[in-house]
């Protein structure tokens, strides 16, 4: 986990360790039942980045905001690496 002022980021492994998929599904169901409406989130942004793309996916609820950041590296599979980072 890395911190910079009020920003916290996790690796995929760290995120799964902290919030297993079954718990993540429960939390999403709960947030939706409490009124979270993903259709009202700000628009997603797709940026060209090197040989791939950077996807920014913001979301906002009544008590929290966050942004999912995903990179797509087209050339990675040929190098034995995942294309989604």
PDB file of N, CA and C in Angstrom:
ATOM      1  N   UNK A   1       0.856  -1.178   0.000  1.00  0.00           N
ATOM      2  CA  UNK A   1       0.000   0.000   0.000  1.00  0.00           C
ATOM      3  C   UNK A   1       0.890   1.225   0.000  1.00  0.00           C
ATOM      4  N   UNK A   2       0.525   2.205  -0.810  1.00  0.00           N
ATOM      5  CA  UNK A   2       1.246   3.468  -0.869  1.00  0.00           C
ATOM      6  C   UNK A   2       0.309   4.599  -0.487  1.00  0.00           C
ATOM      7  N   UNK A   3       0.856   5.579   0.214  1.00  0.00           N
ATOM      8  CA  UNK A   3       0.066   6.753   0.597  1.00  0.00           C
ATOM      9  C   UNK A   3       0.767   8.010   0.091  1.00  0.00           C
ATOM     10  N   UNK A   4      -0.021   8.940  -0.377  1.00  0.00           N
ATOM     11  CA  UNK A   4       0.469  10.261  -0.745  1.00  0.00           C
ATOM     12  C   UNK A   4      -0.613  11.241  -0.333  1.00  0.00           C
ATOM     13  N   UNK A   5      -0.346  11.996   0.697  1.00  0.00           N
ATOM     14  CA  UNK A   5      -1.337  12.884   1.304  1.00  0.00           C
ATOM     15  C   UNK A   5      -2.613  12.099   1.598  1.00  0.00           C
ATOM     16  N   UNK A   6      -3.695  12.340   0.859  1.00  0.00           N
ATOM     17  CA  UNK A   6      -4.964  11.668   1.129  1.00  0.00           C
ATOM     18  C   UNK A   6      -5.275  10.577   0.111  1.00  0.00           C
ATOM     19  N   UNK A   7      -4.291  10.222  -0.705  1.00  0.00           N
ATOM     20  CA  UNK A   7      -4.499   9.212  -1.730  1.00  0.00           C
ATOM     21  C   UNK A   7      -3.898   7.894  -1.273  1.00  0.00           C
ATOM     22  N   UNK A   8      -4.647   6.823  -1.437  1.00  0.00           N
ATOM     23  CA  UNK A   8      -4.169   5.489  -1.093  1.00  0.00           C
ATOM     24  C   UNK A   8      -4.313   4.617  -2.329  1.00  0.00           C
ATOM     25  N   UNK A   9      -3.296   3.844  -2.653  1.00  0.00           N
ATOM     26  CA  UNK A   9      -3.402   2.916  -3.772  1.00  0.00           C
ATOM     27  C   UNK A   9      -2.961   1.532  -3.319  1.00  0.00           C
ATOM     28  N   UNK A  10      -3.570   0.506  -3.925  1.00  0.00           N
ATOM     29  CA  UNK A  10      -3.288  -0.877  -3.593  1.00  0.00           C
ATOM     30  C   UNK A  10      -2.958  -1.650  -4.860  1.00  0.00           C
ATOM     31  N   UNK A  11      -2.105  -2.636  -4.735  1.00  0.00           N
ATOM     32  CA  UNK A  11      -1.903  -3.569  -5.840  1.00  0.00           C
ATOM     33  C   UNK A  11      -3.123  -4.484  -5.886  1.00  0.00           C
ATOM     34  N   UNK A  12      -3.291  -5.207  -6.986  1.00  0.00           N
ATOM     35  CA  UNK A  12      -4.415  -6.142  -7.106  1.00  0.00           C
ATOM     36  C   UNK A  12      -4.348  -7.205  -6.016  1.00  0.00           C
ATOM     37  N   UNK A  13      -3.153  -7.728  -5.766  1.00  0.00           N
ATOM     38  CA  UNK A  13      -2.993  -8.759  -4.727  1.00  0.00           C
ATOM     39  C   UNK A  13      -3.371  -8.227  -3.351  1.00  0.00           C
ATOM     40  N   UNK A  14      -2.947  -7.000  -3.055  1.00  0.00           N
ATOM     41  CA  UNK A  14      -3.257  -6.401  -1.758  1.00  0.00           C
ATOM     42  C   UNK A  14      -4.763  -6.166  -1.622  1.00  0.00           C
ATOM     43  N   UNK A  15      -5.388  -5.729  -2.697  1.00  0.00           N
ATOM     44  CA  UNK A  15      -6.824  -5.484  -2.656  1.00  0.00           C
ATOM     45  C   UNK A  15      -7.591  -6.783  -2.391  1.00  0.00           C
ATOM     46  N   UNK A  16      -7.233  -7.860  -3.085  1.00  0.00           N
ATOM     47  CA  UNK A  16      -7.918  -9.144  -2.883  1.00  0.00           C
ATOM     48  C   UNK A  16      -7.665  -9.668  -1.471  1.00  0.00           C
ATOM     49  N   UNK A  17      -6.475  -9.429  -0.936  1.00  0.00           N
ATOM     50  CA  UNK A  17      -6.177  -9.853   0.426  1.00  0.00           C
ATOM     51  C   UNK A  17      -7.055  -9.089   1.426  1.00  0.00           C
ATOM     52  N   UNK A  18      -7.224  -7.802   1.202  1.00  0.00           N
ATOM     53  CA  UNK A  18      -8.007  -6.968   2.120  1.00  0.00           C
ATOM     54  C   UNK A  18      -9.511  -7.152   1.959  1.00  0.00           C
ATOM     55  N   UNK A  19      -9.953  -7.335   0.710  1.00  0.00           N
ATOM     56  CA  UNK A  19     -11.387  -7.477   0.429  1.00  0.00           C
ATOM     57  C   UNK A  19     -11.564  -8.652  -0.542  1.00  0.00           C
ATOM     58  N   UNK A  20     -11.778  -9.841  -0.024  1.00  0.00           N
ATOM     59  CA  UNK A  20     -11.977 -10.993  -0.910  1.00  0.00           C
ATOM     60  C   UNK A  20     -13.176 -10.768  -1.834  1.00  0.00           C
ATOM     61  N   UNK A  21     -13.176 -11.395  -3.008  1.00  0.00           N
ATOM     62  CA  UNK A  21     -14.268 -11.182  -3.968  1.00  0.00           C
ATOM     63  C   UNK A  21     -15.667 -11.375  -3.387  1.00  0.00           C
ATOM     64  N   UNK A  22     -15.866 -12.373  -2.534  1.00  0.00           N
ATOM     65  CA  UNK A  22     -17.203 -12.583  -1.967  1.00  0.00           C
ATOM     66  C   UNK A  22     -17.626 -11.381  -1.117  1.00  0.00           C
ATOM     67  N   UNK A  23     -16.693 -10.808  -0.379  1.00  0.00           N
ATOM     68  CA  UNK A  23     -16.997  -9.627   0.436  1.00  0.00           C
ATOM     69  C   UNK A  23     -17.237  -8.412  -0.455  1.00  0.00           C
ATOM     70  N   UNK A  24     -16.476  -8.286  -1.528  1.00  0.00           N
ATOM     71  CA  UNK A  24     -16.674  -7.172  -2.465  1.00  0.00           C
ATOM     72  C   UNK A  24     -18.077  -7.220  -3.060  1.00  0.00           C
ATOM     73  N   UNK A  25     -18.545  -8.422  -3.422  1.00  0.00           N
ATOM     74  CA  UNK A  25     -19.901  -8.550  -3.965  1.00  0.00           C
ATOM     75  C   UNK A  25     -20.944  -8.116  -2.940  1.00  0.00           C
ATOM     76  N   UNK A  26     -20.758  -8.517  -1.684  1.00  0.00           N
ATOM     77  CA  UNK A  26     -21.682  -8.108  -0.614  1.00  0.00           C
ATOM     78  C   UNK A  26     -21.713  -6.587  -0.477  1.00  0.00           C
ATOM     79  N   UNK A  27     -20.541  -5.966  -0.503  1.00  0.00           N
ATOM     80  CA  UNK A  27     -20.459  -4.516  -0.350  1.00  0.00           C
ATOM     81  C   UNK A  27     -21.113  -3.790  -1.518  1.00  0.00           C
ATOM     82  N   UNK A  28     -20.929  -4.308  -2.721  1.00  0.00           N
ATOM     83  CA  UNK A  28     -21.551  -3.684  -3.888  1.00  0.00           C
ATOM     84  C   UNK A  28     -23.073  -3.806  -3.802  1.00  0.00           C
ATOM     85  N   UNK A  29     -23.562  -4.990  -3.455  1.00  0.00           N
ATOM     86  CA  UNK A  29     -25.012  -5.173  -3.309  1.00  0.00           C
ATOM     87  C   UNK A  29     -25.579  -4.203  -2.264  1.00  0.00           C
ATOM     88  N   UNK A  30     -24.866  -4.079  -1.162  1.00  0.00           N
ATOM     89  CA  UNK A  30     -25.311  -3.196  -0.084  1.00  0.00           C
ATOM     90  C   UNK A  30     -25.339  -1.737  -0.547  1.00  0.00           C
ATOM     91  N   UNK A  31     -24.303  -1.308  -1.237  1.00  0.00           N
ATOM     92  CA  UNK A  31     -24.252   0.078  -1.717  1.00  0.00           C
ATOM     93  C   UNK A  31     -25.379   0.344  -2.711  1.00  0.00           C
ATOM     94  N   UNK A  32     -25.640  -0.602  -3.604  1.00  0.00           N
ATOM     95  CA  UNK A  32     -26.730  -0.429  -4.570  1.00  0.00           C
ATOM     96  C   UNK A  32     -28.073  -0.385  -3.864  1.00  0.00           C
ATOM     97  N   UNK A  33     -28.263  -1.255  -2.875  1.00  0.00           N
ATOM     98  CA  UNK A  33     -29.521  -1.265  -2.121  1.00  0.00           C
ATOM     99  C   UNK A  33     -29.713   0.028  -1.337  1.00  0.00           C
ATOM    100  N   UNK A  34     -28.601   0.671  -0.943  1.00  0.00           N
ATOM    101  CA  UNK A  34     -28.673   1.915  -0.173  1.00  0.00           C
ATOM    102  C   UNK A  34     -28.834   3.142  -1.065  1.00  0.00           C
ATOM    103  N   UNK A  35     -28.886   2.922  -2.395  1.00  0.00           N
ATOM    104  CA  UNK A  35     -29.153   4.050  -3.277  1.00  0.00           C
ATOM    105  C   UNK A  35     -28.037   4.439  -4.219  1.00  0.00           C
ATOM    106  N   UNK A  36     -26.885   3.773  -4.172  1.00  0.00           N
ATOM    107  CA  UNK A  36     -25.823   4.102  -5.129  1.00  0.00           C
ATOM    108  C   UNK A  36     -26.343   3.849  -6.539  1.00  0.00           C
ATOM    109  N   UNK A  37     -26.193   4.841  -7.405  1.00  0.00           N
ATOM    110  CA  UNK A  37     -26.674   4.732  -8.785  1.00  0.00           C
ATOM    111  C   UNK A  37     -25.494   4.940  -9.727  1.00  0.00           C
ATOM    112  N   UNK A  38     -24.870   3.846 -10.197  1.00  0.00           N
ATOM    113  CA  UNK A  38     -23.706   3.980 -11.076  1.00  0.00           C
ATOM    114  C   UNK A  38     -23.983   4.791 -12.340  1.00  0.00           C
ATOM    115  N   UNK A  39     -25.238   4.843 -12.774  1.00  0.00           N
ATOM    116  CA  UNK A  39     -25.543   5.606 -13.990  1.00  0.00           C
ATOM    117  C   UNK A  39     -25.377   7.110 -13.775  1.00  0.00           C
ATOM    118  N   UNK A  40     -25.302   7.542 -12.513  1.00  0.00           N
ATOM    119  CA  UNK A  40     -25.107   8.970 -12.241  1.00  0.00           C
ATOM    120  C   UNK A  40     -23.640   9.317 -11.995  1.00  0.00           C
ATOM    121  N   UNK A  41     -22.749   8.327 -12.110  1.00  0.00           N
ATOM    122  CA  UNK A  41     -21.316   8.596 -11.939  1.00  0.00           C
ATOM    123  C   UNK A  41     -20.806   9.515 -13.040  1.00  0.00           C
ATOM    124  N   UNK A  42     -19.713  10.227 -12.774  1.00  0.00           N
ATOM    125  CA  UNK A  42     -19.094  11.032 -13.838  1.00  0.00           C
ATOM    126  C   UNK A  42     -18.677  10.129 -15.000  1.00  0.00           C
ATOM    127  N   UNK A  43     -18.532  10.683 -16.192  1.00  0.00           N
ATOM    128  CA  UNK A  43     -18.149   9.860 -17.342  1.00  0.00           C
ATOM    129  C   UNK A  43     -16.757   9.259 -17.178  1.00  0.00           C
ATOM    130  N   UNK A  44     -16.584   8.092 -17.759  1.00  0.00           N
ATOM    131  CA  UNK A  44     -15.275   7.442 -17.794  1.00  0.00           C
ATOM    132  C   UNK A  44     -14.422   8.117 -18.855  1.00  0.00           C
ATOM    133  N   UNK A  45     -13.114   8.062 -18.644  1.00  0.00           N
ATOM    134  CA  UNK A  45     -12.175   8.670 -19.578  1.00  0.00           C
ATOM    135  C   UNK A  45     -11.220   7.602 -20.082  1.00  0.00           C
ATOM    136  N   UNK A  46     -10.999   7.572 -21.386  1.00  0.00           N
ATOM    137  CA  UNK A  46     -10.033   6.656 -21.984  1.00  0.00           C
ATOM    138  C   UNK A  46      -8.972   7.503 -22.668  1.00  0.00           C
ATOM    139  N   UNK A  47      -7.727   7.314 -22.256  1.00  0.00           N
ATOM    140  CA  UNK A  47      -6.615   8.089 -22.791  1.00  0.00           C
ATOM    141  C   UNK A  47      -5.628   7.167 -23.494  1.00  0.00           C
ATOM    142  N   UNK A  48      -5.117   7.593 -24.631  1.00  0.00           N
ATOM    143  CA  UNK A  48      -4.029   6.861 -25.279  1.00  0.00           C
ATOM    144  C   UNK A  48      -2.793   7.050 -24.417  1.00  0.00           C
ATOM    145  N   UNK A  49      -2.068   5.966 -24.189  1.00  0.00           N
ATOM    146  CA  UNK A  49      -0.876   6.033 -23.332  1.00  0.00           C
ATOM    147  C   UNK A  49       0.164   5.068 -23.875  1.00  0.00           C
ATOM    148  N   UNK A  50       1.170   5.603 -24.514  1.00  0.00           N
ATOM    149  CA  UNK A  50       2.210   4.731 -25.067  1.00  0.00           C
ATOM    150  C   UNK A  50       1.612   3.778 -26.081  1.00  0.00           C
ATOM    151  N   UNK A  51       1.828   2.477 -25.869  1.00  0.00           N
ATOM    152  CA  UNK A  51       1.281   1.474 -26.786  1.00  0.00           C
ATOM    153  C   UNK A  51      -0.048   0.915 -26.284  1.00  0.00           C
ATOM    154  N   UNK A  52      -0.667   1.583 -25.327  1.00  0.00           N
ATOM    155  CA  UNK A  52      -1.922   1.096 -24.770  1.00  0.00           C
ATOM    156  C   UNK A  52      -2.864   2.224 -24.426  1.00  0.00           C
ATOM    157  N   UNK A  53      -3.664   1.993 -23.415  1.00  0.00           N
ATOM    158  CA  UNK A  53      -4.653   2.976 -22.981  1.00  0.00           C
ATOM    159  C   UNK A  53      -4.691   3.048 -21.463  1.00  0.00           C
ATOM    160  N   UNK A  54      -5.093   4.186 -20.967  1.00  0.00           N
ATOM    161  CA  UNK A  54      -5.321   4.413 -19.545  1.00  0.00           C
ATOM    162  C   UNK A  54      -6.804   4.707 -19.384  1.00  0.00           C
ATOM    163  N   UNK A  55      -7.476   3.932 -18.528  1.00  0.00           N
ATOM    164  CA  UNK A  55      -8.898   4.114 -18.283  1.00  0.00           C
ATOM    165  C   UNK A  55      -9.096   4.670 -16.881  1.00  0.00           C
ATOM    166  N   UNK A  56      -9.858   5.745 -16.773  1.00  0.00           N
ATOM    167  CA  UNK A  56     -10.174   6.366 -15.492  1.00  0.00           C
ATOM    168  C   UNK A  56     -11.671   6.236 -15.285  1.00  0.00           C
ATOM    169  N   UNK A  57     -12.061   5.594 -14.172  1.00  0.00           N
ATOM    170  CA  UNK A  57     -13.472   5.301 -13.925  1.00  0.00           C
ATOM    171  C   UNK A  57     -13.886   5.827 -12.554  1.00  0.00           C
ATOM    172  N   UNK A  58     -14.329   7.090 -12.496  1.00  0.00           N
ATOM    173  CA  UNK A  58     -14.721   7.677 -11.213  1.00  0.00           C
ATOM    174  C   UNK A  58     -16.099   7.201 -10.760  1.00  0.00           C
ATOM    175  N   UNK A  59     -16.302   7.239  -9.459  1.00  0.00           N
ATOM    176  CA  UNK A  59     -17.610   6.915  -8.883  1.00  0.00           C
ATOM    177  C   UNK A  59     -17.780   7.749  -7.620  1.00  0.00           C
ATOM    178  N   UNK A  60     -19.016   8.099  -7.325  1.00  0.00           N
ATOM    179  CA  UNK A  60     -19.297   8.891  -6.131  1.00  0.00           C
ATOM    180  C   UNK A  60     -20.582   8.410  -5.482  1.00  0.00           C
ATOM    181  N   UNK A  61     -20.525   8.268  -4.174  1.00  0.00           N
ATOM    182  CA  UNK A  61     -21.700   7.905  -3.402  1.00  0.00           C
ATOM    183  C   UNK A  61     -21.959   8.966  -2.355  1.00  0.00           C
ATOM    184  N   UNK A  62     -22.878   8.697  -1.459  1.00  0.00           N
ATOM    185  CA  UNK A  62     -23.235   9.670  -0.430  1.00  0.00           C
ATOM    186  C   UNK A  62     -22.106   9.899   0.566  1.00  0.00           C
ATOM    187  N   UNK A  63     -21.264   8.889   0.787  1.00  0.00           N
ATOM    188  CA  UNK A  63     -20.236   9.014   1.830  1.00  0.00           C
ATOM    189  C   UNK A  63     -18.817   8.805   1.340  1.00  0.00           C
ATOM    190  N   UNK A  64     -18.628   8.514   0.051  1.00  0.00           N
ATOM    191  CA  UNK A  64     -17.276   8.246  -0.437  1.00  0.00           C
ATOM    192  C   UNK A  64     -17.187   8.497  -1.935  1.00  0.00           C
ATOM    193  N   UNK A  65     -15.988   8.760  -2.383  1.00  0.00           N
ATOM    194  CA  UNK A  65     -15.703   8.875  -3.810  1.00  0.00           C
ATOM    195  C   UNK A  65     -14.452   8.056  -4.103  1.00  0.00           C
ATOM    196  N   UNK A  66     -14.313   7.655  -5.338  1.00  0.00           N
ATOM    197  CA  UNK A  66     -13.124   6.904  -5.710  1.00  0.00           C
ATOM    198  C   UNK A  66     -12.977   6.856  -7.208  1.00  0.00           C
ATOM    199  N   UNK A  67     -11.812   6.463  -7.649  1.00  0.00           N
ATOM    200  CA  UNK A  67     -11.546   6.304  -9.071  1.00  0.00           C
ATOM    201  C   UNK A  67     -10.798   4.999  -9.283  1.00  0.00           C
ATOM    202  N   UNK A  68     -11.319   4.177 -10.165  1.00  0.00           N
ATOM    203  CA  UNK A  68     -10.621   2.973 -10.582  1.00  0.00           C
ATOM    204  C   UNK A  68      -9.745   3.374 -11.753  1.00  0.00           C
ATOM    205  N   UNK A  69      -8.472   3.029 -11.675  1.00  0.00           N
ATOM    206  CA  UNK A  69      -7.524   3.339 -12.739  1.00  0.00           C
ATOM    207  C   UNK A  69      -7.028   2.016 -13.300  1.00  0.00           C
ATOM    208  N   UNK A  70      -7.115   1.875 -14.611  1.00  0.00           N
ATOM    209  CA  UNK A  70      -6.735   0.635 -15.252  1.00  0.00           C
ATOM    210  C   UNK A  70      -5.897   0.963 -16.470  1.00  0.00           C
ATOM    211  N   UNK A  71      -4.821   0.230 -16.660  1.00  0.00           N
ATOM    212  CA  UNK A  71      -4.033   0.420 -17.873  1.00  0.00           C
ATOM    213  C   UNK A  71      -4.123  -0.838 -18.720  1.00  0.00           C
ATOM    214  N   UNK A  72      -4.231  -0.621 -20.022  1.00  0.00           N
ATOM    215  CA  UNK A  72      -4.260  -1.714 -20.983  1.00  0.00           C
ATOM    216  C   UNK A  72      -2.984  -1.632 -21.812  1.00  0.00           C
ATOM    217  N   UNK A  73      -2.176  -2.659 -21.744  1.00  0.00           N
ATOM    218  CA  UNK A  73      -0.915  -2.697 -22.480  1.00  0.00           C
ATOM    219  C   UNK A  73      -1.036  -3.767 -23.567  1.00  0.00           C
ATOM    220  N   UNK A  74      -1.274  -3.338 -24.791  1.00  0.00           N
ATOM    221  CA  UNK A  74      -1.518  -4.267 -25.904  1.00  0.00           C
ATOM    222  C   UNK A  74      -0.377  -5.254 -26.123  1.00  0.00           C
ATOM    223  N   UNK A  75       0.850  -4.819 -25.922  1.00  0.00           N
ATOM    224  CA  UNK A  75       2.014  -5.657 -26.233  1.00  0.00           C
ATOM    225  C   UNK A  75       2.370  -6.637 -25.119  1.00  0.00           C
ATOM    226  N   UNK A  76       1.759  -6.506 -23.961  1.00  0.00           N
ATOM    227  CA  UNK A  76       2.134  -7.358 -22.829  1.00  0.00           C
ATOM    228  C   UNK A  76       1.920  -8.849 -23.055  1.00  0.00           C
ATOM    229  N   UNK A  77       0.803  -9.309 -23.622  1.00  0.00           N
ATOM    230  CA  UNK A  77       0.626 -10.752 -23.779  1.00  0.00           C
ATOM    231  C   UNK A  77       1.772 -11.416 -24.563  1.00  0.00           C
ATOM    232  N   UNK A  78       2.289 -10.737 -25.563  1.00  0.00           N
ATOM    233  CA  UNK A  78       3.412 -11.294 -26.327  1.00  0.00           C
ATOM    234  C   UNK A  78       4.663 -11.428 -25.476  1.00  0.00           C
ATOM    235  N   UNK A  79       4.724 -10.665 -24.389  1.00  0.00           N
ATOM    236  CA  UNK A  79       5.870 -10.718 -23.470  1.00  0.00           C
ATOM    237  C   UNK A  79       5.576 -11.575 -22.258  1.00  0.00           C
ATOM    238  N   UNK A  80       4.421 -12.281 -22.267  1.00  0.00           N
ATOM    239  CA  UNK A  80       4.070 -13.138 -21.154  1.00  0.00           C
ATOM    240  C   UNK A  80       3.520 -12.392 -19.961  1.00  0.00           C
ATOM    241  N   UNK A  81       3.039 -11.168 -20.165  1.00  0.00           N
ATOM    242  CA  UNK A  81       2.488 -10.348 -19.099  1.00  0.00           C
ATOM    243  C   UNK A  81       1.012 -10.093 -19.345  1.00  0.00           C
ATOM    244  N   UNK A  82       0.230  -9.840 -18.302  1.00  0.00           N
ATOM    245  CA  UNK A  82      -1.187  -9.541 -18.506  1.00  0.00           C
ATOM    246  C   UNK A  82      -1.371  -8.214 -19.229  1.00  0.00           C
ATOM    247  N   UNK A  83      -2.398  -8.143 -20.077  1.00  0.00           N
ATOM    248  CA  UNK A  83      -2.639  -6.892 -20.809  1.00  0.00           C
ATOM    249  C   UNK A  83      -3.303  -5.850 -19.926  1.00  0.00           C
ATOM    250  N   UNK A  84      -4.019  -6.296 -18.874  1.00  0.00           N
ATOM    251  CA  UNK A  84      -4.657  -5.361 -17.953  1.00  0.00           C
ATOM    252  C   UNK A  84      -3.785  -5.213 -16.724  1.00  0.00           C
ATOM    253  N   UNK A  85      -3.466  -3.977 -16.393  1.00  0.00           N
ATOM    254  CA  UNK A  85      -2.606  -3.697 -15.243  1.00  0.00           C
ATOM    255  C   UNK A  85      -3.400  -2.990 -14.186  1.00  0.00           C
TER     256      UNK A  85
END
